[in-house]
Amino acid sequence: MQPFLDYRYLEHPWDMERLREAVRLSVRLIEDSAFHDLVEHRVSPSDQDMASDEALDNWLLRNVGTQHHASGTCKMGPASDPMAVVDQHGKVHGIEGL
């Protein structure tokens, strides 16, 4: 059975507030004259997405996600699975004697 990963992104109002602040700060930074030679124009979020907290929250909810490593990972599963490195709680198999 595969693990179910519920990241609960932006579930807490403080999470949304902090990410909203981070996006607005990022936009202010790229609009600084120091970046004029590097940034031709902002693609996303649009000015409309940035117009209000509600608009930005909607943009965040449509765009926030996760990224998983395609390499350097290990399989999760029971100790009886020879390919599994950790159990469903992240406890490493086969560490006796280390």
Protein backbone atom coordinates (compact mmCIF):
# COMPACT_ATOMS: atom_id res chain seq x y z
CA MET A 1 0.00 0.00 0.00
CA GLN A 2 1.36 3.40 -1.00
CA PRO A 3 1.53 6.11 1.69
CA PHE A 4 -1.03 8.91 1.53
CA LEU A 5 0.71 12.30 1.74
CA ASP A 6 -1.53 15.13 2.89
CA TYR A 7 0.66 18.22 3.04
CA ARG A 8 -2.19 20.42 4.28
CA TYR A 9 -0.78 23.33 2.29
CA LEU A 10 -2.27 26.70 3.19
CA GLU A 11 -4.76 25.10 5.57
CA HIS A 12 -3.86 27.47 8.40
CA PRO A 13 -4.56 31.19 7.83
CA TRP A 14 -1.03 32.07 8.99
CA ASP A 15 0.42 29.91 6.19
CA MET A 16 -1.59 31.81 3.59
CA GLU A 17 -0.61 35.16 5.11
CA ARG A 18 3.10 34.33 5.11
CA LEU A 19 3.07 33.01 1.55
CA ARG A 20 1.11 36.04 0.38
CA GLU A 21 3.79 38.26 1.98
CA ALA A 22 6.55 36.21 0.32
CA VAL A 23 5.01 36.57 -3.13
CA ARG A 24 4.52 40.30 -2.71
CA LEU A 25 8.10 40.71 -1.50
CA SER A 26 9.39 38.69 -4.47
CA VAL A 27 7.44 40.88 -6.88
CA ARG A 28 8.80 44.05 -5.25
CA LEU A 29 12.34 42.68 -5.51
CA ILE A 30 12.15 41.84 -9.22
CA GLU A 31 10.63 45.26 -9.93
CA ASP A 32 13.67 46.96 -8.40
CA SER A 33 15.92 48.78 -10.85
CA ALA A 34 18.76 46.39 -10.00
CA PHE A 35 16.89 43.66 -11.90
CA HIS A 36 15.78 45.66 -14.95
CA ASP A 37 18.46 44.07 -17.13
CA LEU A 38 17.49 40.57 -15.99
CA VAL A 39 13.69 40.64 -15.88
CA GLU A 40 11.85 41.75 -19.00
CA HIS A 41 8.39 41.38 -17.45
CA ARG A 42 6.58 39.38 -14.79
CA VAL A 43 4.54 36.53 -16.20
CA SER A 44 2.82 35.28 -13.08
CA PRO A 45 1.18 36.24 -10.82
CA SER A 46 -0.49 38.88 -12.96
CA ASP A 47 -1.39 42.35 -11.73
CA GLN A 48 -4.98 41.10 -11.49
CA ASP A 49 -3.81 38.19 -9.29
CA MET A 50 -1.99 40.70 -7.07
CA ALA A 51 -4.91 43.16 -6.85
CA SER A 52 -6.23 41.99 -3.47
CA ASP A 53 -5.63 39.42 -0.75
CA GLU A 54 -8.55 37.38 -2.06
CA ALA A 55 -7.24 37.43 -5.64
CA LEU A 56 -3.75 36.46 -4.51
CA ASP A 57 -5.11 33.72 -2.26
CA ASN A 58 -6.99 32.27 -5.24
CA TRP A 59 -3.80 32.37 -7.32
CA LEU A 60 -1.84 30.67 -4.53
CA LEU A 61 -4.42 27.92 -4.16
CA ARG A 62 -4.26 27.25 -7.91
CA ASN A 63 -0.46 27.24 -8.05
CA VAL A 64 1.02 25.91 -4.82
CA GLY A 65 2.27 22.35 -4.98
CA THR A 66 5.17 20.15 -4.14
CA GLN A 67 8.11 18.74 -6.00
CA HIS A 68 9.56 15.31 -5.42
CA HIS A 69 13.13 14.27 -6.10
CA ALA A 70 13.40 11.86 -8.99
CA SER A 71 16.71 10.62 -7.61
CA GLY A 72 18.26 10.15 -4.24
CA THR A 73 15.09 8.78 -2.71
CA CYS A 74 14.37 5.45 -1.07
CA LYS A 75 11.37 3.15 -1.00
CA MET A 76 9.00 3.14 1.97
CA GLY A 77 7.48 -0.20 2.96
CA PRO A 78 7.46 -3.10 5.40
CA ALA A 79 10.67 -4.79 6.54
CA SER A 80 9.63 -7.86 4.52
CA ASP A 81 10.07 -5.85 1.30
CA PRO A 82 13.74 -6.18 0.29
CA MET A 83 13.55 -2.88 -1.64
CA ALA A 84 12.09 -0.87 1.26
CA VAL A 85 14.54 1.22 3.24
CA VAL A 86 12.14 2.77 5.78
CA ASP A 87 8.77 1.83 7.26
CA GLN A 88 5.59 3.94 7.08
CA HIS A 89 6.85 6.03 10.03
CA GLY A 90 10.24 6.78 8.44
CA LYS A 91 12.10 4.35 10.70
CA VAL A 92 15.08 2.88 8.86
CA HIS A 93 15.15 -0.91 8.34
CA GLY A 94 18.33 -2.82 9.16
CA ILE A 95 20.20 -0.42 11.40
CA GLU A 96 21.04 -2.99 14.05
CA GLY A 97 24.71 -2.82 15.02
CA LEU A 98 25.36 0.62 13.57
